[in-house]
PDB file of N, CA and C in Angstrom:
ATOM      1  N   MET A   1      47.898  34.314 172.979  1.00  0.00           N
ATOM      2  CA  MET A   1      48.474  35.824 173.442  1.00  0.00           C
ATOM      3  C   MET A   1      49.615  36.250 172.679  1.00  0.00           C
ATOM      4  N   SER A   2      49.851  37.585 171.986  1.00  0.00           N
ATOM      5  CA  SER A   2      50.832  37.722 171.591  1.00  0.00           C
ATOM      6  C   SER A   2      52.249  38.037 172.107  1.00  0.00           C
ATOM      7  N   ARG A   3      53.168  37.697 171.854  1.00  0.00           N
ATOM      8  CA  ARG A   3      54.601  38.014 172.529  1.00  0.00           C
ATOM      9  C   ARG A   3      55.070  39.336 171.800  1.00  0.00           C
ATOM     10  N   TYR A   4      55.810  40.202 172.321  1.00  0.00           N
ATOM     11  CA  TYR A   4      56.615  41.301 171.694  1.00  0.00           C
ATOM     12  C   TYR A   4      57.795  41.479 171.940  1.00  0.00           C
ATOM     13  N   ILE A   5      58.701  41.882 171.207  1.00  0.00           N
ATOM     14  CA  ILE A   5      60.252  41.968 171.495  1.00  0.00           C
ATOM     15  C   ILE A   5      60.456  43.400 171.449  1.00  0.00           C
ATOM     16  N   TYR A   6      61.510  43.872 172.583  1.00  0.00           N
ATOM     17  CA  TYR A   6      61.931  45.194 172.714  1.00  0.00           C
ATOM     18  C   TYR A   6      63.122  45.034 171.728  1.00  0.00           C
ATOM     19  N   LEU A   7      63.105  46.142 170.266  1.00  0.00           N
ATOM     20  CA  LEU A   7      64.486  46.047 169.533  1.00  0.00           C
ATOM     21  C   LEU A   7      65.414  47.048 170.056  1.00  0.00           C
ATOM     22  N   GLY A   8      64.640  48.034 170.930  1.00  0.00           N
ATOM     23  CA  GLY A   8      65.754  49.181 171.113  1.00  0.00           C
ATOM     24  C   GLY A   8      65.243  50.395 170.779  1.00  0.00           C
ATOM     25  N   GLY A   9      65.356  51.523 171.400  1.00  0.00           N
ATOM     26  CA  GLY A   9      65.008  52.809 170.936  1.00  0.00           C
ATOM     27  C   GLY A   9      63.414  52.762 171.131  1.00  0.00           C
ATOM     28  N   ASP A  10      62.584  53.122 169.996  1.00  0.00           N
ATOM     29  CA  ASP A  10      61.264  52.934 170.361  1.00  0.00           C
ATOM     30  C   ASP A  10      60.604  51.964 169.579  1.00  0.00           C
ATOM     31  N   ALA A  11      61.400  50.919 169.323  1.00  0.00           N
ATOM     32  CA  ALA A  11      61.365  49.871 168.042  1.00  0.00           C
ATOM     33  C   ALA A  11      60.611  48.695 169.068  1.00  0.00           C
ATOM     34  N   VAL A  12      59.628  48.390 169.078  1.00  0.00           N
ATOM     35  CA  VAL A  12      58.910  47.147 169.569  1.00  0.00           C
ATOM     36  C   VAL A  12      57.881  46.313 168.580  1.00  0.00           C
ATOM     37  N   ARG A  13      58.205  45.126 168.185  1.00  0.00           N
ATOM     38  CA  ARG A  13      57.507  44.123 167.102  1.00  0.00           C
ATOM     39  C   ARG A  13      56.914  42.990 167.775  1.00  0.00           C
ATOM     40  N   ARG A  14      55.560  42.526 167.494  1.00  0.00           N
ATOM     41  CA  ARG A  14      55.091  41.212 167.741  1.00  0.00           C
ATOM     42  C   ARG A  14      56.086  40.353 167.330  1.00  0.00           C
ATOM     43  N   GLU A  15      56.354  39.178 167.946  1.00  0.00           N
ATOM     44  CA  GLU A  15      57.108  37.909 167.813  1.00  0.00           C
ATOM     45  C   GLU A  15      56.719  37.653 166.454  1.00  0.00           C
ATOM     46  N   ASP A  16      55.796  37.345 165.991  1.00  0.00           N
ATOM     47  CA  ASP A  16      55.105  36.790 164.860  1.00  0.00           C
ATOM     48  C   ASP A  16      55.127  37.445 163.615  1.00  0.00           C
ATOM     49  N   ALA A  17      55.654  39.047 163.744  1.00  0.00           N
ATOM     50  CA  ALA A  17      55.950  39.877 162.780  1.00  0.00           C
ATOM     51  C   ALA A  17      57.337  39.855 162.333  1.00  0.00           C
ATOM     52  N   VAL A  18      58.246  39.267 163.080  1.00  0.00           N
ATOM     53  CA  VAL A  18      59.511  38.890 162.816  1.00  0.00           C
ATOM     54  C   VAL A  18      60.020  37.863 161.918  1.00  0.00           C
ATOM     55  N   ILE A  19      60.621  38.103 160.605  1.00  0.00           N
ATOM     56  CA  ILE A  19      61.107  36.958 159.873  1.00  0.00           C
ATOM     57  C   ILE A  19      62.183  36.631 160.315  1.00  0.00           C
ATOM     58  N   GLY A  20      63.177  37.365 160.741  1.00  0.00           N
ATOM     59  CA  GLY A  20      64.747  37.061 160.969  1.00  0.00           C
ATOM     60  C   GLY A  20      65.369  38.083 161.729  1.00  0.00           C
ATOM     61  N   VAL A  21      66.377  37.788 162.321  1.00  0.00           N
ATOM     62  CA  VAL A  21      67.234  38.285 163.090  1.00  0.00           C
ATOM     63  C   VAL A  21      68.541  38.274 162.677  1.00  0.00           C
ATOM     64  N   PHE A  22      69.694  39.107 162.144  1.00  0.00           N
ATOM     65  CA  PHE A  22      70.618  38.936 161.517  1.00  0.00           C
ATOM     66  C   PHE A  22      71.964  39.828 161.976  1.00  0.00           C
ATOM     67  N   ASP A  23      72.987  38.984 162.024  1.00  0.00           N
ATOM     68  CA  ASP A  23      74.174  39.989 162.627  1.00  0.00           C
ATOM     69  C   ASP A  23      74.909  40.698 161.677  1.00  0.00           C
ATOM     70  N   LEU A  24      74.846  42.110 161.665  1.00  0.00           N
ATOM     71  CA  LEU A  24      75.426  42.950 160.814  1.00  0.00           C
ATOM     72  C   LEU A  24      76.934  42.319 160.188  1.00  0.00           C
ATOM     73  N   ASP A  25      78.060  42.103 161.355  1.00  0.00           N
ATOM     74  CA  ASP A  25      79.106  41.709 161.093  1.00  0.00           C
ATOM     75  C   ASP A  25      79.072  40.510 160.183  1.00  0.00           C
ATOM     76  N   ASN A  26      78.243  39.491 160.334  1.00  0.00           N
ATOM     77  CA  ASN A  26      78.537  38.282 159.521  1.00  0.00           C
ATOM     78  C   ASN A  26      77.823  38.207 158.369  1.00  0.00           C
ATOM     79  N   THR A  27      76.904  39.503 158.159  1.00  0.00           N
ATOM     80  CA  THR A  27      76.290  39.023 156.800  1.00  0.00           C
ATOM     81  C   THR A  27      76.498  40.351 156.047  1.00  0.00           C
ATOM     82  N   SER A  28      77.194  41.590 156.351  1.00  0.00           N
ATOM     83  CA  SER A  28      77.031  42.565 155.344  1.00  0.00           C
ATOM     84  C   SER A  28      78.350  42.298 154.551  1.00  0.00           C
ATOM     85  N   TRP A  29      79.233  41.205 154.785  1.00  0.00           N
ATOM     86  CA  TRP A  29      80.407  41.195 153.692  1.00  0.00           C
ATOM     87  C   TRP A  29      79.807  40.368 152.624  1.00  0.00           C
ATOM     88  N   SER A  30      78.342  40.322 152.541  1.00  0.00           N
ATOM     89  CA  SER A  30      77.715  39.835 151.003  1.00  0.00           C
ATOM     90  C   SER A  30      77.245  40.889 150.473  1.00  0.00           C
ATOM     91  N   HIS A  31      77.370  40.764 149.110  1.00  0.00           N
ATOM     92  CA  HIS A  31      77.082  41.801 148.159  1.00  0.00           C
ATOM     93  C   HIS A  31      75.716  41.798 148.161  1.00  0.00           C
ATOM     94  N   ARG A  32      75.053  40.543 148.119  1.00  0.00           N
ATOM     95  CA  ARG A  32      73.595  40.328 148.214  1.00  0.00           C
ATOM     96  C   ARG A  32      73.142  41.239 149.749  1.00  0.00           C
ATOM     97  N   THR A  33      73.257  40.800 150.546  1.00  0.00           N
ATOM     98  CA  THR A  33      72.875  41.361 151.744  1.00  0.00           C
ATOM     99  C   THR A  33      73.064  42.932 151.677  1.00  0.00           C
ATOM    100  N   ARG A  34      74.199  43.464 151.304  1.00  0.00           N
ATOM    101  CA  ARG A  34      74.406  45.035 151.269  1.00  0.00           C
ATOM    102  C   ARG A  34      73.618  45.621 150.219  1.00  0.00           C
ATOM    103  N   ALA A  35      73.220  44.875 148.981  1.00  0.00           N
ATOM    104  CA  ALA A  35      72.501  45.347 147.986  1.00  0.00           C
ATOM    105  C   ALA A  35      71.003  45.469 148.658  1.00  0.00           C
ATOM    106  N   PHE A  36      70.577  43.959 149.273  1.00  0.00           N
ATOM    107  CA  PHE A  36      69.277  44.320 149.818  1.00  0.00           C
ATOM    108  C   PHE A  36      68.632  45.362 150.912  1.00  0.00           C
ATOM    109  N   LEU A  37      69.902  45.677 151.697  1.00  0.00           N
ATOM    110  CA  LEU A  37      69.795  46.834 152.881  1.00  0.00           C
ATOM    111  C   LEU A  37      69.866  48.177 151.821  1.00  0.00           C
ATOM    112  N   ALA A  38      70.579  48.348 150.809  1.00  0.00           N
ATOM    113  CA  ALA A  38      70.898  49.803 150.302  1.00  0.00           C
ATOM    114  C   ALA A  38      69.372  50.030 149.492  1.00  0.00           C
ATOM    115  N   ARG A  39      68.827  48.855 149.238  1.00  0.00           N
ATOM    116  CA  ARG A  39      67.407  48.746 148.366  1.00  0.00           C
ATOM    117  C   ARG A  39      66.489  49.337 149.318  1.00  0.00           C
ATOM    118  N   ALA A  40      66.524  48.557 150.569  1.00  0.00           N
ATOM    119  CA  ALA A  40      65.192  48.742 151.588  1.00  0.00           C
ATOM    120  C   ALA A  40      65.634  50.536 151.908  1.00  0.00           C
ATOM    121  N   GLU A  41      66.701  51.099 152.122  1.00  0.00           N
ATOM    122  CA  GLU A  41      66.958  52.317 152.251  1.00  0.00           C
ATOM    123  C   GLU A  41      66.505  53.164 151.311  1.00  0.00           C
ATOM    124  N   GLN A  42      66.570  53.176 150.249  1.00  0.00           N
ATOM    125  CA  GLN A  42      66.164  53.567 149.030  1.00  0.00           C
ATOM    126  C   GLN A  42      64.606  53.865 149.135  1.00  0.00           C
ATOM    127  N   GLU A  43      63.973  52.736 149.553  1.00  0.00           N
ATOM    128  CA  GLU A  43      62.628  52.527 149.499  1.00  0.00           C
ATOM    129  C   GLU A  43      62.044  52.811 150.620  1.00  0.00           C
ATOM    130  N   GLY A  44      62.546  53.672 151.783  1.00  0.00           N
ATOM    131  CA  GLY A  44      62.324  53.851 152.726  1.00  0.00           C
ATOM    132  C   GLY A  44      61.704  52.960 154.096  1.00  0.00           C
ATOM    133  N   ARG A  45      62.056  51.861 153.765  1.00  0.00           N
ATOM    134  CA  ARG A  45      61.971  50.760 154.567  1.00  0.00           C
ATOM    135  C   ARG A  45      62.816  50.366 155.761  1.00  0.00           C
ATOM    136  N   VAL A  46      64.030  51.252 155.844  1.00  0.00           N
ATOM    137  CA  VAL A  46      65.065  51.171 157.094  1.00  0.00           C
ATOM    138  C   VAL A  46      64.615  51.885 158.115  1.00  0.00           C
ATOM    139  N   ILE A  47      64.303  51.429 159.429  1.00  0.00           N
ATOM    140  CA  ILE A  47      64.215  52.241 160.771  1.00  0.00           C
ATOM    141  C   ILE A  47      65.377  51.922 161.521  1.00  0.00           C
ATOM    142  N   SER A  48      66.305  52.913 161.911  1.00  0.00           N
ATOM    143  CA  SER A  48      67.038  52.717 162.984  1.00  0.00           C
ATOM    144  C   SER A  48      66.592  52.876 164.357  1.00  0.00           C
ATOM    145  N   ALA A  49      66.911  51.935 165.124  1.00  0.00           N
ATOM    146  CA  ALA A  49      66.550  51.715 166.377  1.00  0.00           C
ATOM    147  C   ALA A  49      67.631  51.919 167.500  1.00  0.00           C
ATOM    148  N   ALA A  50      68.897  52.178 166.602  1.00  0.00           N
ATOM    149  CA  ALA A  50      70.198  51.814 167.181  1.00  0.00           C
ATOM    150  C   ALA A  50      70.559  53.715 167.801  1.00  0.00           C
ATOM    151  N   GLU A  51      71.155  53.637 168.921  1.00  0.00           N
ATOM    152  CA  GLU A  51      71.437  54.987 169.355  1.00  0.00           C
ATOM    153  C   GLU A  51      73.160  54.949 168.853  1.00  0.00           C
ATOM    154  N   ASP A  52      73.811  53.787 168.871  1.00  0.00           N
ATOM    155  CA  ASP A  52      75.243  53.702 168.249  1.00  0.00           C
ATOM    156  C   ASP A  52      75.463  52.859 167.130  1.00  0.00           C
ATOM    157  N   ILE A  53      76.451  52.360 166.884  1.00  0.00           N
ATOM    158  CA  ILE A  53      76.482  51.829 165.547  1.00  0.00           C
ATOM    159  C   ILE A  53      75.798  50.237 165.504  1.00  0.00           C
ATOM    160  N   PRO A  54      74.802  49.846 164.711  1.00  0.00           N
ATOM    161  CA  PRO A  54      74.068  49.038 164.897  1.00  0.00           C
ATOM    162  C   PRO A  54      75.153  47.563 164.764  1.00  0.00           C
ATOM    163  N   ARG A  55      74.267  46.763 165.575  1.00  0.00           N
ATOM    164  CA  ARG A  55      75.131  45.436 165.446  1.00  0.00           C
ATOM    165  C   ARG A  55      74.191  44.145 164.733  1.00  0.00           C
ATOM    166  N   SER A  56      73.111  44.515 164.631  1.00  0.00           N
ATOM    167  CA  SER A  56      72.176  43.580 164.057  1.00  0.00           C
ATOM    168  C   SER A  56      70.803  44.329 163.236  1.00  0.00           C
ATOM    169  N   PHE A  57      70.454  43.382 162.087  1.00  0.00           N
ATOM    170  CA  PHE A  57      69.203  44.081 161.489  1.00  0.00           C
ATOM    171  C   PHE A  57      68.018  42.931 161.769  1.00  0.00           C
ATOM    172  N   VAL A  58      66.601  43.079 161.792  1.00  0.00           N
ATOM    173  CA  VAL A  58      65.512  42.794 161.602  1.00  0.00           C
ATOM    174  C   VAL A  58      64.933  42.866 160.599  1.00  0.00           C
ATOM    175  N   LEU A  59      64.489  41.735 160.302  1.00  0.00           N
ATOM    176  CA  LEU A  59      63.437  41.775 158.859  1.00  0.00           C
ATOM    177  C   LEU A  59      62.111  41.133 159.257  1.00  0.00           C
ATOM    178  N   CYS A  60      61.097  42.316 159.220  1.00  0.00           N
ATOM    179  CA  CYS A  60      59.906  41.985 159.866  1.00  0.00           C
ATOM    180  C   CYS A  60      58.861  41.822 158.340  1.00  0.00           C
ATOM    181  N   THR A  61      57.670  41.203 158.725  1.00  0.00           N
ATOM    182  CA  THR A  61      57.043  40.321 157.712  1.00  0.00           C
ATOM    183  C   THR A  61      56.140  41.843 156.678  1.00  0.00           C
ATOM    184  N   ASP A  62      56.173  42.839 157.355  1.00  0.00           N
ATOM    185  CA  ASP A  62      56.058  43.982 156.515  1.00  0.00           C
ATOM    186  C   ASP A  62      56.815  44.543 155.636  1.00  0.00           C
ATOM    187  N   GLY A  63      58.282  44.155 155.262  1.00  0.00           N
ATOM    188  CA  GLY A  63      59.139  44.145 154.627  1.00  0.00           C
ATOM    189  C   GLY A  63      60.017  45.698 155.552  1.00  0.00           C
ATOM    190  N   THR A  64      59.562  45.798 156.546  1.00  0.00           N
ATOM    191  CA  THR A  64      60.454  46.897 157.097  1.00  0.00           C
ATOM    192  C   THR A  64      61.872  46.016 157.687  1.00  0.00           C
ATOM    193  N   VAL A  65      62.772  46.877 157.746  1.00  0.00           N
ATOM    194  CA  VAL A  65      64.218  46.410 158.281  1.00  0.00           C
ATOM    195  C   VAL A  65      64.549  47.362 159.531  1.00  0.00           C
ATOM    196  N   ILE A  66      64.764  46.802 160.457  1.00  0.00           N
ATOM    197  CA  ILE A  66      65.125  47.554 161.864  1.00  0.00           C
ATOM    198  C   ILE A  66      66.280  47.356 162.181  1.00  0.00           C
ATOM    199  N   LEU A  67      67.239  48.391 162.022  1.00  0.00           N
ATOM    200  CA  LEU A  67      68.696  48.443 162.615  1.00  0.00           C
ATOM    201  C   LEU A  67      68.778  48.632 163.989  1.00  0.00           C
ATOM    202  N   THR A  68      69.418  47.627 164.841  1.00  0.00           N
ATOM    203  CA  THR A  68      69.108  47.950 166.041  1.00  0.00           C
ATOM    204  C   THR A  68      70.668  47.470 166.937  1.00  0.00           C
ATOM    205  N   GLN A  69      70.909  48.079 168.279  1.00  0.00           N
ATOM    206  CA  GLN A  69      71.991  47.922 168.908  1.00  0.00           C
ATOM    207  C   GLN A  69      72.187  46.199 169.308  1.00  0.00           C
ATOM    208  N   PRO A  70      71.151  45.683 169.980  1.00  0.00           N
ATOM    209  CA  PRO A  70      71.549  44.507 170.593  1.00  0.00           C
ATOM    210  C   PRO A  70      71.763  43.584 169.689  1.00  0.00           C
ATOM    211  N   THR A  71      72.812  42.499 169.945  1.00  0.00           N
ATOM    212  CA  THR A  71      72.943  41.201 168.986  1.00  0.00           C
ATOM    213  C   THR A  71      71.829  40.411 168.888  1.00  0.00           C
ATOM    214  N   PRO A  72      72.229  39.523 167.880  1.00  0.00           N
ATOM    215  CA  PRO A  72      71.041  38.292 167.738  1.00  0.00           C
ATOM    216  C   PRO A  72      70.946  37.726 169.001  1.00  0.00           C
ATOM    217  N   ALA A  73      71.962  37.423 169.571  1.00  0.00           N
ATOM    218  CA  ALA A  73      71.921  36.476 170.959  1.00  0.00           C
ATOM    219  C   ALA A  73      71.208  36.892 171.951  1.00  0.00           C
ATOM    220  N   THR A  74      71.259  38.616 172.171  1.00  0.00           N
ATOM    221  CA  THR A  74      70.681  39.335 173.190  1.00  0.00           C
ATOM    222  C   THR A  74      69.161  39.194 172.548  1.00  0.00           C
ATOM    223  N   LEU A  75      68.681  39.614 171.439  1.00  0.00           N
ATOM    224  CA  LEU A  75      67.325  39.825 171.033  1.00  0.00           C
ATOM    225  C   LEU A  75      66.704  38.000 171.237  1.00  0.00           C
ATOM    226  N   ALA A  76      67.451  37.145 171.193  1.00  0.00           N
ATOM    227  CA  ALA A  76      66.923  35.854 171.302  1.00  0.00           C
ATOM    228  C   ALA A  76      66.889  35.408 172.296  1.00  0.00           C
ATOM    229  N   ARG A  77      67.725  35.581 173.708  1.00  0.00           N
ATOM    230  CA  ARG A  77      67.632  35.578 174.828  1.00  0.00           C
ATOM    231  C   ARG A  77      66.232  36.359 175.656  1.00  0.00           C
ATOM    232  N   ARG A  78      66.040  37.390 174.983  1.00  0.00           N
ATOM    233  CA  ARG A  78      64.869  38.221 175.546  1.00  0.00           C
ATOM    234  C   ARG A  78      63.717  37.310 175.221  1.00  0.00           C
ATOM    235  N   LEU A  79      63.423  36.852 173.817  1.00  0.00           N
ATOM    236  CA  LEU A  79      62.414  35.955 173.652  1.00  0.00           C
ATOM    237  C   LEU A  79      62.622  34.418 174.445  1.00  0.00           C
ATOM    238  N   ASP A  80      63.787  33.999 174.574  1.00  0.00           N
ATOM    239  CA  ASP A  80      63.432  33.007 175.659  1.00  0.00           C
ATOM    240  C   ASP A  80      62.850  33.313 176.721  1.00  0.00           C
ATOM    241  N   GLU A  81      63.481  34.332 177.343  1.00  0.00           N
ATOM    242  CA  GLU A  81      62.911  34.771 178.595  1.00  0.00           C
ATOM    243  C   GLU A  81      61.277  34.923 178.611  1.00  0.00           C
ATOM    244  N   GLN A  82      60.800  35.790 177.812  1.00  0.00           N
ATOM    245  CA  GLN A  82      59.695  35.874 177.725  1.00  0.00           C
ATOM    246  C   GLN A  82      58.821  34.709 177.716  1.00  0.00           C
ATOM    247  N   GLU A  83      59.381  33.750 177.148  1.00  0.00           N
ATOM    248  CA  GLU A  83      58.457  32.021 177.055  1.00  0.00           C
ATOM    249  C   GLU A  83      58.598  31.458 178.625  1.00  0.00           C
ATOM    250  N   ARG A  84      59.828  31.930 178.827  1.00  0.00           N
ATOM    251  CA  ARG A  84      59.758  31.161 180.411  1.00  0.00           C
ATOM    252  C   ARG A  84      58.585  31.939 181.529  1.00  0.00           C
ATOM    253  N   ILE A  85      58.398  32.991 181.315  1.00  0.00           N
ATOM    254  CA  ILE A  85      57.010  33.798 182.089  1.00  0.00           C
ATOM    255  C   ILE A  85      55.960  33.292 182.110  1.00  0.00           C
TER     256      ILE A  85
END
């Protein structure tokens, strides 16, 4: 049975389609991360699911990058809660 995670806005992804969830505050200081996000934006692979300033980004197996409002800890907690159900 597939599990899904709600990322905010209209963004929902299957758990197995998520490579990683990254905190923007902790990762955006790196020039490599900034270059990666800039390239993804240029290639049209960035989706914004944040209504306000995004706190994290989610990298998916199809190469999509989703900017989202919830922190990585919140998204991990959502997955954890689903596992217990």
